[in-house]
Amino acid sequence: MAPILIASLTPGNIGLPRTSEDITIAHVTYKCLTKLVIHVWQRQSRGDYAEYKPWVPLITSQTQSPSYSLDVFQLEEFFKSSGFQMQSLYEHRITITTSLNSSNLPNTPPVLLTIEKITQHVRAFGKFFRRLQQLDTKKFVLLPICTDVVLYYWNKVVQSTEVSPGLINGIPEALV
């Protein structure tokens, strides 16, 4: 999910149909990308991913034609980008949910749908990280910002012990 989309999520426009649609498109796109990355992640260990080279253009400069390469760097960049986006979106979701809960704005079905879509998208990041860890733990811990991602999730676990059970009950409007 692009930072522009995250920044456009405000309590004022959270109930608009367009907001929910944008999040759905970002979510489906991310899920497709993670499926491809996971597939290549598995194949990369065996060294039999040469057939995927035409799928991943790496543009070296604007004046040169694209060269095709699939390397560890691109997978690491996707992981790093996912980690940053997950943290940003998670915190933004908490801010929006807190704002909606503290104001007297009604939780209309479009608002609840959008919050549910954001929650679903945040969970997709966690599923991606967990799947990479399941496939190859040693390689997973060597990824850039892996420690930051794990510590961020652990911090959320610690935070959940400090709030009332009503705020962590597993529904999309929950804060933690």
C-alpha atoms as a PDB file:
ATOM      1  CA  MET A   1       0.000   0.000   0.000  1.00  0.00           C
ATOM      2  CA  ALA A   2       1.543   3.231  -1.064  1.00  0.00           C
ATOM      3  CA  PRO A   3       2.238   5.948   1.494  1.00  0.00           C
ATOM      4  CA  ILE A   4      -0.126   8.205  -0.453  1.00  0.00           C
ATOM      5  CA  LEU A   5      -3.005   5.819   0.180  1.00  0.00           C
ATOM      6  CA  ILE A   6      -2.112   5.557   3.870  1.00  0.00           C
ATOM      7  CA  ALA A   7      -2.020   9.337   4.153  1.00  0.00           C
ATOM      8  CA  SER A   8      -5.400   9.620   2.457  1.00  0.00           C
ATOM      9  CA  LEU A   9      -7.049   7.469   5.138  1.00  0.00           C
ATOM     10  CA  THR A  10      -8.717   9.926   7.493  1.00  0.00           C
ATOM     11  CA  PRO A  11     -11.743   9.658   9.769  1.00  0.00           C
ATOM     12  CA  GLY A  12     -13.518  12.026   7.377  1.00  0.00           C
ATOM     13  CA  ASN A  13     -13.213   9.833   4.289  1.00  0.00           C
ATOM     14  CA  ILE A  14     -13.084   6.392   5.891  1.00  0.00           C
ATOM     15  CA  GLY A  15     -16.756   5.790   5.083  1.00  0.00           C
ATOM     16  CA  LEU A  16     -16.487   6.588   1.379  1.00  0.00           C
ATOM     17  CA  PRO A  17     -16.931   3.640  -0.995  1.00  0.00           C
ATOM     18  CA  ARG A  18     -13.832   4.715  -2.926  1.00  0.00           C
ATOM     19  CA  THR A  19     -11.662   4.323   0.183  1.00  0.00           C
ATOM     20  CA  SER A  20     -12.779   0.748   0.708  1.00  0.00           C
ATOM     21  CA  GLU A  21     -12.267  -0.028  -2.976  1.00  0.00           C
ATOM     22  CA  ASP A  22      -8.742   1.424  -2.948  1.00  0.00           C
ATOM     23  CA  ILE A  23      -7.801  -0.679   0.061  1.00  0.00           C
ATOM     24  CA  THR A  24      -9.279  -3.786  -1.558  1.00  0.00           C
ATOM     25  CA  ILE A  25      -7.249  -3.219  -4.735  1.00  0.00           C
ATOM     26  CA  ALA A  26      -4.073  -2.647  -2.708  1.00  0.00           C
ATOM     27  CA  HIS A  27      -4.782  -5.785  -0.673  1.00  0.00           C
ATOM     28  CA  VAL A  28      -5.386  -8.040  -3.664  1.00  0.00           C
ATOM     29  CA  THR A  29      -2.311  -6.678  -5.429  1.00  0.00           C
ATOM     30  CA  TYR A  30      -0.165  -7.240  -2.351  1.00  0.00           C
ATOM     31  CA  LYS A  31      -1.457 -10.793  -1.944  1.00  0.00           C
ATOM     32  CA  CYS A  32      -0.538 -11.590  -5.558  1.00  0.00           C
ATOM     33  CA  LEU A  33       2.938 -10.133  -5.103  1.00  0.00           C
ATOM     34  CA  THR A  34       3.504 -12.070  -1.893  1.00  0.00           C
ATOM     35  CA  LYS A  35       2.501 -15.326  -3.586  1.00  0.00           C
ATOM     36  CA  LEU A  36       5.111 -14.688  -6.287  1.00  0.00           C
ATOM     37  CA  VAL A  37       7.785 -13.677  -3.781  1.00  0.00           C
ATOM     38  CA  ILE A  38       7.109 -16.740  -1.639  1.00  0.00           C
ATOM     39  CA  HIS A  39       7.309 -18.986  -4.679  1.00  0.00           C
ATOM     40  CA  VAL A  40      10.632 -17.473  -5.740  1.00  0.00           C
ATOM     41  CA  TRP A  41      11.859 -17.568  -2.115  1.00  0.00           C
ATOM     42  CA  GLN A  42      11.318 -21.324  -2.083  1.00  0.00           C
ATOM     43  CA  ARG A  43      12.932 -21.877  -5.465  1.00  0.00           C
ATOM     44  CA  GLN A  44      15.855 -19.594  -4.731  1.00  0.00           C
ATOM     45  CA  SER A  45      17.220 -21.954  -2.091  1.00  0.00           C
ATOM     46  CA  ARG A  46      17.536 -24.639  -4.722  1.00  0.00           C
ATOM     47  CA  GLY A  47      18.985 -22.293  -7.336  1.00  0.00           C
ATOM     48  CA  ASP A  48      16.381 -23.183  -9.958  1.00  0.00           C
ATOM     49  CA  TYR A  49      14.796 -19.798 -10.498  1.00  0.00           C
ATOM     50  CA  ALA A  50      16.460 -18.882 -13.806  1.00  0.00           C
ATOM     51  CA  GLU A  51      13.140 -19.316 -15.587  1.00  0.00           C
ATOM     52  CA  TYR A  52      11.763 -16.288 -13.693  1.00  0.00           C
ATOM     53  CA  LYS A  53      14.384 -13.817 -14.876  1.00  0.00           C
ATOM     54  CA  PRO A  54      12.226 -12.377 -17.693  1.00  0.00           C
ATOM     55  CA  TRP A  55       9.505 -11.531 -15.180  1.00  0.00           C
ATOM     56  CA  VAL A  56      11.554  -9.173 -13.057  1.00  0.00           C
ATOM     57  CA  PRO A  57      13.059  -6.227 -14.926  1.00  0.00           C
ATOM     58  CA  LEU A  58      15.763  -4.329 -13.121  1.00  0.00           C
ATOM     59  CA  ILE A  59      16.277  -0.946 -14.769  1.00  0.00           C
ATOM     60  CA  THR A  60      19.849   0.124 -14.215  1.00  0.00           C
ATOM     61  CA  SER A  61      19.453   3.658 -15.525  1.00  0.00           C
ATOM     62  CA  GLN A  62      17.034   5.694 -17.558  1.00  0.00           C
ATOM     63  CA  THR A  63      19.234   5.701 -20.647  1.00  0.00           C
ATOM     64  CA  GLN A  64      19.789   1.970 -20.778  1.00  0.00           C
ATOM     65  CA  SER A  65      17.307  -0.674 -21.696  1.00  0.00           C
ATOM     66  CA  PRO A  66      16.110  -2.847 -18.818  1.00  0.00           C
ATOM     67  CA  SER A  67      18.281  -5.761 -17.842  1.00  0.00           C
ATOM     68  CA  TYR A  68      16.497  -8.754 -16.437  1.00  0.00           C
ATOM     69  CA  SER A  69      17.659 -10.138 -13.177  1.00  0.00           C
ATOM     70  CA  LEU A  70      16.191 -11.811 -10.158  1.00  0.00           C
ATOM     71  CA  ASP A  71      18.402 -11.617  -7.171  1.00  0.00           C
ATOM     72  CA  VAL A  72      18.336 -11.644  -3.437  1.00  0.00           C
ATOM     73  CA  PHE A  73      18.411  -7.850  -3.353  1.00  0.00           C
ATOM     74  CA  GLN A  74      14.953  -7.542  -4.895  1.00  0.00           C
ATOM     75  CA  LEU A  75      13.432 -10.037  -2.475  1.00  0.00           C
ATOM     76  CA  GLU A  76      15.083  -8.234   0.428  1.00  0.00           C
ATOM     77  CA  GLU A  77      13.771  -4.877  -0.794  1.00  0.00           C
ATOM     78  CA  PHE A  78      10.250  -6.275  -1.025  1.00  0.00           C
ATOM     79  CA  PHE A  79      10.564  -7.599   2.531  1.00  0.00           C
ATOM     80  CA  LYS A  80      11.958  -4.310   3.811  1.00  0.00           C
ATOM     81  CA  SER A  81       9.246  -2.312   2.076  1.00  0.00           C
ATOM     82  CA  SER A  82       6.586  -4.644   3.475  1.00  0.00           C
ATOM     83  CA  GLY A  83       7.942  -4.185   6.982  1.00  0.00           C
ATOM     84  CA  PHE A  84       7.848  -0.408   6.787  1.00  0.00           C
ATOM     85  CA  GLN A  85       4.397  -0.359   5.206  1.00  0.00           C
ATOM     86  CA  MET A  86       2.994  -2.786   7.782  1.00  0.00           C
ATOM     87  CA  GLN A  87       4.182  -0.665  10.694  1.00  0.00           C
ATOM     88  CA  SER A  88       2.897   2.538   9.138  1.00  0.00           C
ATOM     89  CA  LEU A  89      -0.486   1.075   8.229  1.00  0.00           C
ATOM     90  CA  TYR A  90      -0.911  -0.622  11.614  1.00  0.00           C
ATOM     91  CA  GLU A  91      -0.238   2.601  13.508  1.00  0.00           C
ATOM     92  CA  HIS A  92      -2.466   4.575  11.148  1.00  0.00           C
ATOM     93  CA  ARG A  93      -5.260   2.022  11.648  1.00  0.00           C
ATOM     94  CA  ILE A  94      -4.984   2.426  15.428  1.00  0.00           C
ATOM     95  CA  THR A  95      -5.100   6.214  15.068  1.00  0.00           C
ATOM     96  CA  ILE A  96      -8.212   6.086  12.893  1.00  0.00           C
ATOM     97  CA  THR A  97      -9.957   3.548  15.127  1.00  0.00           C
ATOM     98  CA  THR A  98      -9.178   5.591  18.249  1.00  0.00           C
ATOM     99  CA  SER A  99     -10.408   8.747  16.546  1.00  0.00           C
ATOM    100  CA  LEU A 100     -13.649   7.086  15.488  1.00  0.00           C
ATOM    101  CA  ASN A 101     -14.202   5.579  18.945  1.00  0.00           C
ATOM    102  CA  SER A 102     -13.554   8.870  20.745  1.00  0.00           C
ATOM    103  CA  SER A 103     -15.781  10.945  18.483  1.00  0.00           C
ATOM    104  CA  ASN A 104     -19.503  10.530  18.331  1.00  0.00           C
ATOM    105  CA  LEU A 105     -19.461   9.537  14.689  1.00  0.00           C
ATOM    106  CA  PRO A 106     -21.688   6.548  14.044  1.00  0.00           C
ATOM    107  CA  ASN A 107     -20.014   3.346  12.906  1.00  0.00           C
ATOM    108  CA  THR A 108     -21.991   2.978   9.709  1.00  0.00           C
ATOM    109  CA  PRO A 109     -21.622  -0.147   7.548  1.00  0.00           C
ATOM    110  CA  PRO A 110     -19.265   1.603   5.067  1.00  0.00           C
ATOM    111  CA  VAL A 111     -17.007   2.732   7.922  1.00  0.00           C
ATOM    112  CA  LEU A 112     -16.957  -0.750   9.446  1.00  0.00           C
ATOM    113  CA  LEU A 113     -16.263  -2.282   6.022  1.00  0.00           C
ATOM    114  CA  THR A 114     -13.285   0.001   5.457  1.00  0.00           C
ATOM    115  CA  ILE A 115     -11.866  -0.699   8.926  1.00  0.00           C
ATOM    116  CA  GLU A 116     -12.324  -4.414   8.249  1.00  0.00           C
ATOM    117  CA  LYS A 117     -10.471  -4.101   4.911  1.00  0.00           C
ATOM    118  CA  ILE A 118      -7.601  -2.233   6.574  1.00  0.00           C
ATOM    119  CA  THR A 119      -7.402  -4.905   9.286  1.00  0.00           C
ATOM    120  CA  GLN A 120      -7.438  -7.632   6.652  1.00  0.00           C
ATOM    121  CA  HIS A 121      -4.599  -5.908   4.808  1.00  0.00           C
ATOM    122  CA  VAL A 122      -2.533  -5.556   8.005  1.00  0.00           C
ATOM    123  CA  ARG A 123      -2.995  -9.277   8.645  1.00  0.00           C
ATOM    124  CA  ALA A 124      -1.762 -10.068   5.124  1.00  0.00           C
ATOM    125  CA  PHE A 125       1.605  -8.576   6.043  1.00  0.00           C
ATOM    126  CA  GLY A 126       1.823 -10.837   9.081  1.00  0.00           C
ATOM    127  CA  LYS A 127       0.894 -13.879   7.022  1.00  0.00           C
ATOM    128  CA  PHE A 128       3.625 -13.033   4.530  1.00  0.00           C
ATOM    129  CA  PHE A 129       6.279 -12.694   7.244  1.00  0.00           C
ATOM    130  CA  ARG A 130       5.146 -15.880   8.951  1.00  0.00           C
ATOM    131  CA  ARG A 131       5.211 -17.876   5.728  1.00  0.00           C
ATOM    132  CA  LEU A 132       8.762 -16.776   4.933  1.00  0.00           C
ATOM    133  CA  GLN A 133       9.790 -17.751   8.456  1.00  0.00           C
ATOM    134  CA  GLN A 134       8.117 -21.153   8.124  1.00  0.00           C
ATOM    135  CA  LEU A 135       9.884 -21.899   4.848  1.00  0.00           C
ATOM    136  CA  ASP A 136      13.424 -21.035   5.922  1.00  0.00           C
ATOM    137  CA  THR A 137      14.020 -19.675   9.411  1.00  0.00           C
ATOM    138  CA  LYS A 138      17.758 -19.190   8.958  1.00  0.00           C
ATOM    139  CA  LYS A 139      17.289 -17.171   5.793  1.00  0.00           C
ATOM    140  CA  PHE A 140      14.397 -15.251   7.336  1.00  0.00           C
ATOM    141  CA  VAL A 141      16.412 -13.892  10.263  1.00  0.00           C
ATOM    142  CA  LEU A 142      19.071 -12.630   7.858  1.00  0.00           C
ATOM    143  CA  LEU A 143      16.595 -10.431   5.976  1.00  0.00           C
ATOM    144  CA  PRO A 144      16.952  -6.676   6.420  1.00  0.00           C
ATOM    145  CA  ILE A 145      14.836  -5.225   9.234  1.00  0.00           C
ATOM    146  CA  CYS A 146      13.750  -8.720  10.294  1.00  0.00           C
ATOM    147  CA  THR A 147      14.701  -7.884  13.856  1.00  0.00           C
ATOM    148  CA  ASP A 148      12.678  -4.671  13.669  1.00  0.00           C
ATOM    149  CA  VAL A 149       9.617  -6.525  12.387  1.00  0.00           C
ATOM    150  CA  VAL A 150       9.829  -9.179  15.101  1.00  0.00           C
ATOM    151  CA  LEU A 151      10.355  -6.549  17.807  1.00  0.00           C
ATOM    152  CA  TYR A 152       7.437  -4.515  16.467  1.00  0.00           C
ATOM    153  CA  TYR A 153       5.116  -7.514  16.665  1.00  0.00           C
ATOM    154  CA  TRP A 154       6.434  -8.395  20.120  1.00  0.00           C
ATOM    155  CA  ASN A 155       5.791  -4.817  21.230  1.00  0.00           C
ATOM    156  CA  LYS A 156       2.181  -5.209  20.090  1.00  0.00           C
ATOM    157  CA  VAL A 157       1.892  -8.379  22.181  1.00  0.00           C
ATOM    158  CA  VAL A 158       3.199  -6.498  25.229  1.00  0.00           C
ATOM    159  CA  GLN A 159       0.809  -3.600  24.543  1.00  0.00           C
ATOM    160  CA  SER A 160      -2.127  -5.990  24.367  1.00  0.00           C
ATOM    161  CA  THR A 161      -1.450  -7.112  27.939  1.00  0.00           C
ATOM    162  CA  GLU A 162      -1.789  -3.526  29.152  1.00  0.00           C
ATOM    163  CA  VAL A 163      -5.220  -2.704  27.716  1.00  0.00           C
ATOM    164  CA  SER A 164      -8.698  -3.903  28.539  1.00  0.00           C
ATOM    165  CA  PRO A 165      -9.833  -7.158  26.898  1.00  0.00           C
ATOM    166  CA  GLY A 166     -12.520  -5.276  24.979  1.00  0.00           C
ATOM    167  CA  LEU A 167      -9.842  -3.553  22.908  1.00  0.00           C
ATOM    168  CA  ILE A 168      -8.163  -6.793  21.783  1.00  0.00           C
ATOM    169  CA  ASN A 169     -11.136  -9.052  21.164  1.00  0.00           C
ATOM    170  CA  GLY A 170     -10.276  -9.890  17.551  1.00  0.00           C
ATOM    171  CA  ILE A 171     -12.885  -7.753  15.849  1.00  0.00           C
ATOM    172  CA  PRO A 172     -11.748  -5.302  13.167  1.00  0.00           C
ATOM    173  CA  GLU A 173     -12.419  -2.271  15.388  1.00  0.00           C
ATOM    174  CA  ALA A 174     -10.107  -3.592  18.123  1.00  0.00           C
ATOM    175  CA  LEU A 175      -7.161  -1.354  18.874  1.00  0.00           C
ATOM    176  CA  VAL A 176      -4.429  -3.929  19.336  1.00  0.00           C
END
